Protein backbone atom coordinates (compact mmCIF):
# COMPACT_ATOMS: atom_id res chain seq x y z
CA UNK A 1 80.82 101.94 93.30
CA UNK A 2 81.84 98.26 93.00
CA UNK A 3 84.45 97.68 96.07
CA UNK A 4 88.19 96.94 95.08
CA UNK A 5 88.81 93.34 96.02
CA UNK A 6 91.99 92.00 97.03
CA UNK A 7 92.64 88.20 97.82
CA UNK A 8 95.53 87.92 100.11
CA UNK A 9 97.36 84.65 100.18
CA UNK A 10 100.63 83.64 101.64
CA UNK A 11 102.99 80.61 102.64
CA UNK A 12 102.20 78.13 99.69
CA UNK A 13 105.66 76.38 100.46
CA UNK A 14 106.11 74.71 97.11
CA UNK A 15 108.23 71.54 97.44
CA UNK A 16 108.12 69.03 100.36
CA UNK A 17 105.37 71.14 102.24
CA UNK A 18 102.96 71.38 99.25
CA UNK A 19 99.55 70.20 99.62
CA UNK A 20 98.59 70.14 95.64
CA UNK A 21 95.10 69.30 96.09
CA UNK A 22 94.34 72.25 98.23
CA UNK A 23 96.28 74.42 95.92
CA UNK A 24 94.34 73.66 92.89
CA UNK A 25 91.15 74.29 94.79
CA UNK A 26 92.13 77.55 96.14
CA UNK A 27 93.04 78.96 92.94
CA UNK A 28 89.62 78.03 90.97
CA UNK A 29 87.93 79.68 94.29
CA UNK A 30 90.16 82.52 93.64
CA UNK A 31 89.54 82.88 90.00
CA UNK A 32 85.88 82.56 90.62
CA UNK A 33 86.07 85.92 92.91
CA UNK A 34 87.56 87.78 90.03
CA UNK A 35 89.81 89.90 92.31
CA UNK A 36 91.55 93.09 91.14
CA UNK A 37 94.74 91.71 92.53
CA UNK A 38 96.21 88.72 94.24
CA UNK A 39 98.94 89.40 96.80
CA UNK A 40 101.25 86.52 97.92
CA UNK A 41 103.22 87.73 101.29
CA UNK A 42 106.09 85.36 100.96
CA UNK A 43 107.31 81.78 101.61
CA UNK A 44 106.41 80.71 98.12
CA UNK A 45 108.61 77.72 98.05
CA UNK A 46 110.36 75.64 101.05
CA UNK A 47 114.28 75.46 100.19
CA UNK A 48 114.69 78.37 97.75
CA UNK A 49 115.91 76.02 94.77
CA UNK A 50 115.03 76.27 91.15
CA UNK A 51 112.95 73.50 90.65
CA UNK A 52 110.39 74.74 93.40
CA UNK A 53 110.19 78.27 91.89
CA UNK A 54 109.70 76.87 88.39
CA UNK A 55 106.85 74.71 89.74
CA UNK A 56 105.29 77.64 91.94
CA UNK A 57 105.46 79.91 88.66
CA UNK A 58 103.85 77.20 86.43
CA UNK A 59 100.99 76.46 88.86
CA UNK A 60 100.51 80.05 90.14
CA UNK A 61 100.23 80.95 86.79
CA UNK A 62 96.78 79.72 86.52
CA UNK A 63 95.55 82.54 88.76
CA UNK A 64 93.79 85.02 86.29
CA UNK A 65 94.36 88.06 88.03
CA UNK A 66 97.61 90.15 88.31
CA UNK A 67 99.95 88.18 91.29
CA UNK A 68 101.92 90.71 93.60
CA UNK A 69 104.39 88.68 95.22
CA UNK A 70 107.15 89.55 97.79
CA UNK A 71 109.98 87.21 99.02
CA UNK A 72 109.92 85.06 102.50
CA UNK A 73 112.74 83.63 104.46
CA UNK A 74 112.19 80.21 102.72
CA UNK A 75 112.53 81.71 99.63
CA UNK A 76 115.90 83.36 100.47
CA UNK A 77 117.36 79.88 101.36
CA UNK A 78 120.21 79.01 99.30
CA UNK A 79 120.39 81.94 97.52
CA UNK A 80 116.63 81.57 96.03
CA UNK A 81 116.02 85.17 95.82
CA UNK A 82 117.93 85.22 92.38
CA UNK A 83 115.05 82.87 91.31
CA UNK A 84 112.48 84.48 93.10
CA UNK A 85 113.51 87.39 90.57
CA UNK A 86 113.68 85.30 87.70
CA UNK A 87 110.21 84.12 88.31
CA UNK A 88 108.37 86.75 90.15
CA UNK A 89 110.18 90.20 89.61
CA UNK A 90 111.80 92.37 91.89
CA UNK A 91 112.05 91.66 95.59
CA UNK A 92 110.47 95.17 96.37
CA UNK A 93 107.78 96.87 93.91
CA UNK A 94 104.54 98.75 94.16
CA UNK A 95 101.51 99.44 92.06
CA UNK A 96 98.75 101.74 92.16
CA UNK A 97 95.16 101.01 92.00
CA UNK A 98 92.39 103.20 92.30
CA UNK A 99 92.53 105.16 95.36
CA UNK A 100 95.46 102.88 96.81
CA UNK A 101 98.99 102.37 96.76
CA UNK A 102 100.21 98.53 97.21
CA UNK A 103 104.02 98.74 98.07
CA UNK A 104 105.92 95.36 98.64
CA UNK A 105 109.41 94.83 100.41
CA UNK A 106 111.75 92.41 101.07
CA UNK A 107 112.03 91.30 104.92
CA UNK A 108 114.25 88.55 104.48
CA UNK A 109 118.22 88.10 105.56
CA UNK A 110 120.56 85.55 104.23
CA UNK A 111 120.52 82.37 106.26
CA UNK A 112 118.23 83.59 108.97
CA UNK A 113 114.26 83.20 109.57
CA UNK A 114 114.46 86.68 111.16
CA UNK A 115 113.11 89.58 109.41
CA UNK A 116 114.66 93.12 108.68
CA UNK A 117 113.39 95.97 106.15
CA UNK A 118 116.28 98.45 106.90
CA UNK A 119 116.60 101.99 106.68
CA UNK A 120 117.13 102.54 102.86
CA UNK A 121 114.39 99.96 101.81
CA UNK A 122 112.07 102.11 104.62
CA UNK A 123 112.75 105.51 102.99
CA UNK A 124 111.93 103.99 99.58
CA UNK A 125 108.59 102.83 100.94
CA UNK A 126 108.05 106.20 102.18
CA UNK A 127 108.42 108.02 98.94
CA UNK A 128 105.77 105.85 97.31
CA UNK A 129 103.02 106.11 99.89
CA UNK A 130 100.55 108.89 98.87
CA UNK A 131 98.41 111.25 100.93
CA UNK A 132 94.58 110.80 100.99
CA UNK A 133 94.89 107.27 99.72
CA UNK A 134 94.93 103.96 101.03
CA UNK A 135 98.42 102.64 101.63
CA UNK A 136 99.11 98.99 101.86
CA UNK A 137 102.40 97.66 102.83
CA UNK A 138 103.25 93.95 102.08
CA UNK A 139 105.97 92.01 103.55
CA UNK A 140 106.29 88.54 104.83
CA UNK A 141 107.39 89.04 108.73
CA UNK A 142 104.88 90.09 111.30
CA UNK A 143 105.41 93.64 112.68
CA UNK A 144 103.75 92.54 115.77
CA UNK A 145 103.73 89.20 117.87
CA UNK A 146 101.02 86.93 116.75
CA UNK A 147 99.30 84.87 119.15
CA UNK A 148 98.04 81.16 118.64
CA UNK A 149 101.62 80.45 116.93
CA UNK A 150 103.40 78.60 119.70
CA UNK A 151 105.87 81.11 118.85
CA UNK A 152 104.81 84.78 120.04
CA UNK A 153 107.97 86.52 119.35
CA UNK A 154 108.21 89.59 116.94
CA UNK A 155 110.58 88.39 114.40
CA UNK A 156 111.04 91.64 112.30
CA UNK A 157 114.18 93.27 113.73
CA UNK A 158 113.32 96.69 113.37
CA UNK A 159 109.58 96.66 113.67
CA UNK A 160 109.40 99.83 115.68
CA UNK A 161 110.89 101.80 112.93
CA UNK A 162 108.64 100.26 110.47
CA UNK A 163 105.33 100.93 112.71
CA UNK A 164 106.38 104.62 113.45
CA UNK A 165 107.11 105.04 109.75
CA UNK A 166 103.64 103.84 108.83
CA UNK A 167 102.20 106.24 111.58
CA UNK A 168 104.11 109.11 110.04
CA UNK A 169 103.82 108.49 106.40
CA UNK A 170 100.81 106.43 105.73
CA UNK A 171 98.14 108.30 107.72
CA UNK A 172 95.75 105.28 107.57
CA UNK A 173 96.73 102.13 105.94
CA UNK A 174 96.97 98.17 105.96
CA UNK A 175 99.98 95.80 106.40
CA UNK A 176 99.70 92.47 104.93
CA UNK A 177 102.00 89.59 106.02
CA UNK A 178 102.16 85.97 106.37
CA UNK A 179 105.02 83.79 107.88
CA UNK A 180 103.39 82.28 110.91
CA UNK A 181 100.80 80.10 109.15
CA UNK A 182 97.91 81.74 111.22
CA UNK A 183 95.60 84.40 110.04
CA UNK A 184 95.24 87.42 112.43
CA UNK A 185 93.96 90.89 112.41
CA UNK A 186 94.21 93.82 114.58
CA UNK A 187 94.37 97.50 114.38
CA UNK A 188 97.37 99.59 115.50
CA UNK A 189 96.22 103.30 115.78
CA UNK A 190 95.20 104.02 112.26
CA UNK A 191 96.99 101.11 110.70
CA UNK A 192 95.41 97.70 110.25
CA UNK A 193 97.64 94.63 110.37
CA UNK A 194 96.52 91.84 108.83
CA UNK A 195 98.20 88.39 108.53
CA UNK A 196 97.29 85.49 106.11
CA UNK A 197 97.91 81.84 107.31
CA UNK A 198 99.30 79.02 104.90
CA UNK A 199 97.46 78.70 101.80
CA UNK A 200 98.93 75.01 100.95
CA UNK A 201 101.39 73.74 103.27
CA UNK A 202 100.72 70.67 105.32
CA UNK A 203 102.05 72.88 108.40
CA UNK A 204 98.60 74.40 108.71
CA UNK A 205 98.05 75.83 112.43
CA UNK A 206 94.17 76.14 111.81
CA UNK A 207 91.38 73.77 110.94
CA UNK A 208 91.91 74.09 107.16
CA UNK A 209 94.33 75.64 104.85
CA UNK A 210 93.07 79.37 104.16
CA UNK A 211 93.36 82.83 102.54
CA UNK A 212 91.94 86.35 102.99
CA UNK A 213 89.57 88.19 100.79
CA UNK A 214 89.68 92.19 101.53
CA UNK A 215 87.18 94.39 100.01
CA UNK A 216 87.59 98.29 99.97
CA UNK A 217 84.79 100.58 99.33
CA UNK A 218 86.88 103.94 99.68
CA UNK A 219 86.09 104.62 103.22
CA UNK A 220 86.15 100.90 104.73
CA UNK A 221 87.38 97.72 104.42
CA UNK A 222 85.88 94.23 105.00
CA UNK A 223 87.88 91.22 105.82
CA UNK A 224 86.86 87.57 105.41
CA UNK A 225 88.64 84.46 105.98
CA UNK A 226 87.94 81.93 103.67
CA UNK A 227 88.71 78.19 104.80
CA UNK A 228 89.69 75.96 101.33
CA UNK A 229 87.11 73.28 102.30
CA UNK A 230 85.04 74.86 105.54
CA UNK A 231 83.72 78.08 103.89
CA UNK A 232 83.86 81.57 104.90
CA UNK A 233 83.95 83.46 108.08
CA UNK A 234 83.50 87.15 108.26
CA UNK A 235 86.05 88.98 110.10
CA UNK A 236 84.53 92.30 110.22
CA UNK A 237 84.24 95.75 108.48
CA UNK A 238 86.76 98.44 109.49
CA UNK A 239 86.55 102.27 108.99
CA UNK A 240 89.81 103.79 107.16
CA UNK A 241 90.37 106.91 108.98
CA UNK A 242 93.06 108.93 107.52
CA UNK A 243 95.25 111.55 109.53
CA UNK A 244 98.25 111.35 111.71
CA UNK A 245 98.00 110.86 115.35
CA UNK A 246 99.23 113.79 117.28
CA UNK A 247 101.31 111.92 119.94
CA UNK A 248 103.21 109.98 117.37
CA UNK A 249 104.21 113.30 115.86
CA UNK A 250 105.29 114.53 119.04
CA UNK A 251 107.59 111.43 120.14
CA UNK A 252 108.98 111.45 116.71
CA UNK A 253 110.00 115.06 116.82
CA UNK A 254 111.30 114.47 120.42
CA UNK A 255 113.70 112.03 119.66
CA UNK A 256 114.97 113.02 115.93
CA UNK A 257 118.26 114.87 115.42
CA UNK A 258 118.29 118.40 114.19
CA UNK A 259 120.56 120.01 112.15
CA UNK A 260 120.51 123.85 111.51
CA UNK A 261 123.11 125.44 109.18
CA UNK A 262 123.75 129.23 109.50
CA UNK A 263 124.69 130.84 106.41
CA UNK A 264 126.81 134.05 105.67
CA UNK A 265 129.43 135.41 103.31
CA UNK A 266 131.21 136.42 106.52
CA UNK A 267 132.13 133.41 108.04
CA UNK A 268 132.63 135.05 111.54
CA UNK A 269 129.24 136.28 111.72
CA UNK A 270 127.78 132.74 111.18
CA UNK A 271 130.31 131.08 113.60
CA UNK A 272 129.01 133.61 116.24
CA UNK A 273 125.65 132.31 116.21
CA UNK A 274 126.27 128.43 115.38
CA UNK A 275 128.58 128.65 118.60
CA UNK A 276 125.68 130.13 120.57
CA UNK A 277 123.04 127.49 119.33
CA UNK A 278 125.33 124.54 119.98
CA UNK A 279 125.85 125.96 123.78
CA UNK A 280 122.06 126.44 124.39
CA UNK A 281 120.51 123.78 122.31
CA UNK A 282 119.74 120.16 123.63
CA UNK A 283 121.90 117.24 122.67
CA UNK A 284 119.85 116.33 119.72
CA UNK A 285 120.75 119.56 117.85
CA UNK A 286 123.94 120.82 116.27
CA UNK A 287 124.59 123.76 114.22
CA UNK A 288 127.24 124.33 111.46
CA UNK A 289 128.29 127.14 108.80
CA UNK A 290 128.77 127.54 105.19
CA UNK A 291 128.91 130.56 102.70
CA UNK A 292 126.56 131.08 99.94
CA UNK A 293 129.57 130.29 97.54
CA UNK A 294 130.06 127.02 98.87
CA UNK A 295 130.32 124.79 95.99
CA UNK A 296 127.99 122.04 98.21
CA UNK A 297 125.65 124.62 99.54
CA UNK A 298 122.93 122.69 97.79
CA UNK A 299 123.91 119.38 99.42
CA UNK A 300 124.33 121.24 102.74
CA UNK A 301 120.79 122.56 102.72
CA UNK A 302 119.45 119.62 101.69
CA UNK A 303 121.07 117.53 104.88
CA UNK A 304 119.99 120.33 107.00
CA UNK A 305 116.77 120.71 108.84
CA UNK A 306 116.55 124.41 109.26
CA UNK A 307 118.65 127.15 107.49
CA UNK A 308 119.20 130.50 108.83
CA UNK A 309 120.68 133.29 106.64
CA UNK A 310 122.54 136.34 107.91
CA UNK A 311 122.10 138.26 104.44
CA UNK A 312 119.24 138.18 101.91
CA UNK A 313 119.39 134.41 100.71
CA UNK A 314 116.27 132.92 99.07
CA UNK A 315 116.72 129.35 100.17
CA UNK A 316 116.88 130.05 103.89
CA UNK A 317 113.98 129.40 106.09
CA UNK A 318 114.70 132.77 107.71
CA UNK A 319 116.80 135.70 107.69
CA UNK A 320 118.32 137.15 110.86
CA UNK A 321 120.21 140.60 111.58
CA UNK A 322 123.84 139.67 111.83
CA UNK A 323 124.23 142.75 113.98
CA UNK A 324 121.62 142.22 116.67
CA UNK A 325 122.81 142.21 120.40
CA UNK A 326 124.16 139.39 122.27
CA UNK A 327 120.82 139.18 124.35
CA UNK A 328 118.69 139.52 121.34
CA UNK A 329 120.82 136.60 119.44
CA UNK A 330 120.45 134.30 122.40
CA UNK A 331 116.34 134.99 122.47
CA UNK A 332 116.37 134.31 118.70
CA UNK A 333 118.47 131.02 119.18
CA UNK A 334 116.24 130.01 122.23
CA UNK A 335 113.04 130.59 119.97
CA UNK A 336 114.55 128.51 117.13
CA UNK A 337 115.35 125.60 119.59
CA UNK A 338 111.54 125.62 121.01
CA UNK A 339 110.40 125.55 117.51
CA UNK A 340 112.62 122.54 116.32
CA UNK A 341 111.65 120.74 119.26
CA UNK A 342 107.98 120.76 118.32
CA UNK A 343 108.51 120.25 114.59
């Protein structure tokens, strides 16, 4: 089986920062590699203006492989995302390759160099990740601090949420980023974090402009750093291990809020158990009531983490006897709280 080859480039900085001779040489090298996909992790241009984007589109059109690009903070300057969309497509996108899902997101903020993904976009990413598959997340800003940059701060504002989301939904994957013009790679539990340097900016913080070559064989990835004029450096081969680290699951469960819905045609019955649950449950849980005839019952069930019916109701997680004694009711509620704490 031939390995799946991806070339990862970043921070081309068309405009006043561009070194055109480096760009042309890099494109010739990339075409010779015949990658399945070329990923560009942002900062295509310098000032976000139309002329820069047009020049970038024309020059990068010489790349023979499919180009998968996400925006960086420089691309978003001066309302530049409209030109990004014009030439490079949507700011968030996904593509499926053999055994791999590549998901790209927009980590830019208006008039800011900081990065932010946000809950809505994070949920969009989670829906596109697949089990038993190598999932790759592409963004511009780094999710962990990158050393040797002169600015080691983590500038993705919601990095903690992104990292946890990767742990919970990716179960073994790769993050590609750019931004700091320094190539770097590290492993965070089962997720491999890979940063690209700058392909063609004069603001290069390494011996030479560079890009990443990543090869997948289904069980592992091989990472090489290619300097445009100084040759290749093999960074290493890393196993792709699927599965959710148990600690992450436990912490996520303990900090998540839990909504319980008690359902009964007799609202008084449901209120008895909801009141008991709210008295006995911890501060991150709350119970409410509904009748099966409620026109919003589908919406209420969808937003609930657990549903208890007091008569037969096939959409509930379980059915309780509404006539149980107070002692049995308390026992059932305490057992439910314990289950919800662990799941």
